Protein backbone atom coordinates (compact mmCIF):
# COMPACT_ATOMS: atom_id res chain seq x y z
CA MET A 1 196.36 75.04 16.13
CA SER A 2 192.73 74.15 15.21
CA THR A 3 190.06 74.28 17.90
CA SER A 4 189.63 70.49 17.72
CA ASP A 5 193.34 69.98 18.31
CA ALA A 6 193.33 72.48 21.21
CA ARG A 7 190.34 70.73 22.72
CA GLN A 8 192.02 67.32 22.42
CA ARG A 9 195.18 68.71 24.17
CA TRP A 10 192.99 70.17 26.84
CA LYS A 11 191.37 66.80 27.49
CA GLU A 12 194.79 65.17 27.74
CA TRP A 13 195.80 67.93 30.19
CA ARG A 14 192.71 67.17 32.30
CA GLU A 15 193.58 63.47 32.38
CA GLU A 16 197.12 64.28 33.46
CA ARG A 17 195.81 66.58 36.18
CA ALA A 18 193.51 63.88 37.64
CA GLU A 19 196.26 61.34 37.48
CA ALA A 20 198.78 63.59 39.32
CA ALA A 21 196.14 64.52 41.97
CA SER A 22 195.32 60.88 42.69
CA ALA A 23 198.95 59.68 42.78
CA PRO A 24 200.14 57.98 46.02
CA TYR A 25 201.90 61.15 47.12
CA GLY A 26 199.90 63.66 45.19
CA PRO A 27 198.16 66.67 46.82
CA LEU A 28 195.25 64.50 48.06
CA SER A 29 197.61 62.52 50.31
CA LEU A 30 198.57 65.55 52.46
CA THR A 31 197.20 64.94 55.96
CA GLY A 32 199.06 67.68 57.94
CA THR A 33 201.39 70.64 57.98
CA TYR A 34 203.02 71.20 61.30
CA TRP A 35 204.92 74.40 62.09
CA LEU A 36 207.75 73.68 64.50
CA SER A 37 207.25 77.05 66.19
CA GLU A 38 203.88 75.68 67.34
CA LEU A 39 205.33 72.43 68.66
CA PRO A 40 207.37 73.40 71.77
CA GLU A 41 207.99 69.77 72.58
CA GLY A 42 208.88 68.85 68.93
CA ARG A 43 206.22 66.21 68.77
CA ILE A 44 204.19 65.76 65.62
CA PRO A 45 200.79 64.03 66.20
CA ALA A 46 200.83 60.31 65.42
CA THR A 47 204.40 60.63 64.16
CA PRO A 48 207.47 59.35 65.99
CA GLY A 49 210.70 61.19 66.60
CA ARG A 50 211.33 64.68 67.97
CA TRP A 51 211.38 67.51 65.40
CA THR A 52 212.87 70.80 66.43
CA GLU A 53 214.54 73.69 64.70
CA ALA A 54 218.30 73.28 64.42
CA PRO A 55 220.29 75.51 66.83
CA ASP A 56 221.56 77.61 63.91
CA GLY A 57 218.12 77.93 62.40
CA ALA A 58 219.38 76.35 59.15
CA GLY A 59 217.27 73.23 59.20
CA VAL A 60 215.26 70.76 61.23
CA LEU A 61 216.88 68.66 63.97
CA LEU A 62 215.38 65.20 63.90
CA THR A 63 216.11 62.92 66.93
CA ALA A 64 214.85 59.33 66.90
CA SER A 65 215.38 55.92 68.50
CA ALA A 66 215.46 52.58 66.72
CA GLY A 67 212.07 51.70 68.01
CA ASP A 68 210.53 54.81 66.31
CA GLY A 69 210.52 53.01 62.98
CA LEU A 70 211.68 55.97 60.95
CA THR A 71 213.82 55.59 57.84
CA LEU A 72 216.32 58.14 56.43
CA ASP A 73 217.27 57.77 52.75
CA GLY A 74 215.57 54.39 52.73
CA ARG A 75 217.43 52.94 55.74
CA PRO A 76 216.41 52.54 59.34
CA PHE A 77 217.31 55.67 61.36
CA GLU A 78 218.28 56.36 64.91
CA GLY A 79 220.27 59.20 66.48
CA ALA A 80 220.18 62.78 65.39
CA THR A 81 220.51 64.55 62.07
CA VAL A 82 219.78 67.98 60.59
CA LEU A 83 217.42 68.05 57.63
CA THR A 84 217.12 70.78 55.08
CA ALA A 85 214.00 71.43 52.91
CA ASP A 86 212.81 68.69 50.57
CA ALA A 87 211.65 69.44 47.06
CA GLY A 88 208.49 67.41 47.73
CA PRO A 89 207.23 64.05 48.90
CA GLY A 90 209.01 62.12 46.08
CA PRO A 91 212.56 63.14 47.17
CA ALA A 92 211.67 63.40 50.89
CA ARG A 93 214.42 61.81 52.96
CA VAL A 94 212.41 60.67 55.95
CA ALA A 95 209.54 58.19 55.99
CA HIS A 96 207.43 56.30 58.48
CA GLY A 97 206.06 53.15 56.85
CA GLU A 98 204.25 54.38 53.68
CA ARG A 99 203.99 57.97 54.97
CA LYS A 100 206.47 60.60 53.70
CA LEU A 101 207.64 63.31 56.08
CA VAL A 102 208.49 66.38 54.07
CA VAL A 103 210.55 69.22 55.48
CA LEU A 104 209.76 72.74 54.28
CA CYS A 105 210.60 76.36 55.00
CA ARG A 106 208.48 79.46 54.43
CA GLU A 107 209.80 82.91 55.27
CA GLY A 108 212.36 81.48 57.68
CA GLN A 109 209.78 79.22 59.47
CA TRP A 110 210.29 75.44 59.42
CA ALA A 111 207.53 72.89 59.12
CA VAL A 112 206.96 69.21 58.45
CA ARG A 113 204.29 67.90 56.10
CA VAL A 114 202.87 64.40 56.30
CA PHE A 115 201.88 62.67 53.06
CA ASP A 116 199.90 59.46 53.56
CA PRO A 117 198.71 57.34 50.52
CA ALA A 118 195.80 56.12 52.74
CA ALA A 119 194.47 59.63 53.33
CA PRO A 120 190.66 59.85 53.26
CA GLY A 121 190.71 62.59 50.62
CA ARG A 122 192.58 60.30 48.20
CA ARG A 123 190.24 57.45 48.70
CA ALA A 124 187.19 59.69 48.13
CA PHE A 125 188.57 61.36 45.00
CA ALA A 126 186.29 60.96 41.93
CA GLY A 127 187.88 63.48 39.54
CA ILE A 128 188.12 67.22 38.82
CA ASP A 129 184.99 68.93 37.62
CA ALA A 130 185.61 71.55 34.90
CA PHE A 131 183.70 73.90 32.59
CA GLU A 132 183.46 72.83 28.98
CA TYR A 133 186.27 73.84 26.69
CA ASP A 134 185.59 77.26 25.14
CA ALA A 135 187.97 78.68 22.52
CA SER A 136 186.79 82.21 23.28
CA TRP A 137 188.72 82.08 26.48
CA VAL A 138 192.03 81.64 24.74
CA LEU A 139 193.39 85.08 24.60
CA PRO A 140 196.64 86.86 23.52
CA GLY A 141 198.41 88.43 26.36
CA VAL A 142 201.65 90.42 27.14
CA PHE A 143 203.81 90.42 30.16
CA ARG A 144 204.97 93.79 31.48
CA PRO A 145 207.70 93.25 34.02
CA TYR A 146 208.34 95.55 36.91
CA ASP A 147 211.64 97.33 37.09
CA ARG A 148 212.28 95.15 40.10
CA ASP A 149 210.48 92.32 41.83
CA ARG A 150 207.97 93.33 44.39
CA THR A 151 206.30 91.72 47.34
CA VAL A 152 202.61 92.14 48.24
CA ALA A 153 201.13 90.98 51.56
CA VAL A 154 198.24 88.49 51.00
CA GLU A 155 196.23 86.27 53.27
CA ASN A 156 196.93 82.53 52.89
CA ALA A 157 194.58 79.60 53.10
CA ASP A 158 195.78 78.86 56.68
CA GLY A 159 194.73 82.32 57.87
CA ARG A 160 198.27 83.78 57.98
CA THR A 161 199.31 86.74 55.96
CA ARG A 162 202.53 86.19 53.97
CA GLY A 163 204.51 88.05 51.34
CA LEU A 164 203.81 87.02 47.63
CA GLY A 165 206.52 87.90 45.21
CA VAL A 166 205.23 89.52 42.00
CA ALA A 167 207.37 90.13 38.92
CA GLY A 168 205.05 92.18 36.80
CA GLU A 169 201.66 92.31 35.13
CA LEU A 170 199.98 90.10 32.58
CA ALA A 171 197.75 92.19 30.38
CA PHE A 172 194.96 90.81 28.09
CA VAL A 173 191.91 92.22 26.36
CA LYS A 174 188.38 90.77 26.80
CA ASP A 175 185.34 92.23 25.11
CA GLY A 176 187.27 95.35 24.16
CA GLU A 177 188.52 96.09 27.70
CA GLU A 178 192.12 95.59 28.92
CA TYR A 179 192.71 93.80 32.24
CA ALA A 180 195.95 93.24 34.05
CA LEU A 181 196.86 90.53 36.52
CA ARG A 182 199.72 90.57 38.95
CA VAL A 183 201.92 87.57 38.18
CA SER A 184 204.83 85.79 39.87
CA ALA A 185 207.76 84.30 38.02
CA GLU A 186 209.50 80.98 38.55
CA ALA A 187 213.25 80.51 38.18
CA ASP A 188 212.75 79.24 34.59
CA GLY A 189 210.81 82.41 33.62
CA SER A 190 207.35 80.82 33.60
CA LEU A 191 204.57 82.94 35.02
CA TRP A 192 201.67 82.15 37.32
CA ALA A 193 198.91 84.11 38.93
CA VAL A 194 196.30 83.67 41.70
CA ILE A 195 192.94 84.81 40.33
CA ALA A 196 189.28 85.11 41.33
CA ASP A 197 186.29 86.03 39.18
CA GLY A 198 182.45 86.10 39.26
CA THR A 199 182.26 82.32 39.49
CA SER A 200 184.60 82.08 42.50
CA GLY A 201 182.95 80.56 45.51
CA ALA A 202 179.73 79.96 43.46
CA SER A 203 180.11 77.72 40.39
CA SER A 204 183.85 77.26 40.93
CA TYR A 205 186.33 77.09 43.80
CA ARG A 206 186.94 80.33 45.80
CA PHE A 207 190.03 81.12 43.71
CA ARG A 208 192.22 79.51 41.04
CA PHE A 209 195.70 79.54 39.65
CA LEU A 210 196.61 80.49 36.12
CA LYS A 211 199.92 79.29 34.61
CA PRO A 212 200.36 80.80 31.12
CA GLY A 213 204.01 79.69 30.63
CA VAL A 214 207.09 81.64 29.54
CA PRO A 215 206.60 84.88 27.50
CA ASP A 216 208.59 85.35 24.29
CA ALA A 217 211.29 88.05 23.85
CA GLU A 218 208.59 90.63 23.35
CA GLY A 219 206.69 89.55 26.36
CA ARG A 220 203.89 87.90 24.37
CA LEU A 221 202.16 84.71 25.48
CA THR A 222 198.77 83.02 25.37
CA VAL A 223 196.40 83.34 28.31
CA ASP A 224 194.23 80.20 28.24
CA PHE A 225 191.58 80.38 30.95
CA ASN A 226 190.50 76.85 30.00
CA ARG A 227 193.50 75.78 31.94
CA ALA A 228 192.73 77.72 35.03
CA LEU A 229 193.42 75.17 37.79
CA LEU A 230 192.51 74.43 41.33
CA PRO A 231 195.10 75.41 43.89
CA PRO A 232 196.61 72.74 46.06
CA CYS A 233 194.49 73.75 49.05
CA ALA A 234 191.33 72.62 47.10
CA PHE A 235 192.77 69.08 47.38
CA ALA A 236 193.86 69.24 51.04
CA GLU A 237 193.20 71.97 53.62
CA HIS A 238 196.81 71.66 54.94
CA PHE A 239 198.37 73.56 51.96
CA ILE A 240 199.11 77.25 52.46
CA CYS A 241 197.98 78.68 49.18
CA PRO A 242 198.03 82.51 48.78
CA PHE A 243 194.78 84.23 48.10
CA PRO A 244 194.55 86.60 45.02
CA PRO A 245 196.53 89.76 45.46
CA PRO A 246 194.79 93.20 44.96
CA GLY A 247 193.84 93.60 41.29
CA ASN A 248 193.49 89.91 40.55
CA ARG A 249 189.75 89.61 41.20
CA LEU A 250 188.25 89.94 37.70
CA PRO A 251 184.92 91.82 37.55
CA PHE A 252 183.17 89.25 35.36
CA ASP A 253 182.59 85.47 35.21
CA VAL A 254 185.16 83.21 33.77
CA PRO A 255 183.23 80.00 32.98
CA ALA A 256 186.40 78.12 31.90
CA GLY A 257 188.90 75.87 33.55
CA GLU A 258 188.70 73.59 36.63
CA ARG A 259 185.78 74.11 39.00
CA ASN A 260 185.89 71.81 42.01
CA LEU A 261 186.78 68.28 43.15
CA LEU A 262 184.45 65.42 42.66
CA ALA A 263 184.11 62.89 45.48
CA HIS A 264 182.43 59.53 46.00
């Protein structure tokens, strides 16, 4: 692919990123993440119903009256039901007016997220600032899987320490030196990493995500730092993004990829 074609695809990617961020139920619309273990009465601020962990711990028990105005699967809801984790705000089963109430579970802990299209962050959004495209930051890489998946303890954006599953290392060469990033793997085989570099917290957000895709049969893939992207917690503080694990803080500047949000 020529540099001009790659730059054009990068511009299209940037447009898609901005469109997804500003969507009615995109990351900018998240207004709260509420852990049920911290809500002894089961009451979520400014949200009707009673939300508690199911007796068997396998879901969230929602109890509501007709006057609460909640809907379940698009229909008015009253009574009690057990909810399991939603895949996101789109398929979320419960809503209160335009707000989507998303059930999630992390390391056995249940929570409810509130997504509101009228969120202040969404109204203030003016785009995603990024470094200019630079072909020198498109590098060949190789994935070296561990003999078994590992878990490393890392601090998260909400101040808690959680386990981050890592499947191996992504190695690449820059200016004659080899570097290796700890990477996680999705169910489809695609890799992602949490990284920081010399620009982090200065000319770019404090850390970023890198999603190089699926390696080929020999473990080869392209590491394109032009597509380093802001983590969800850059869009709303209520996300619980993991910080970079040990070894993923690169000892040089990476002036490529997304930098920060732009606001009105």
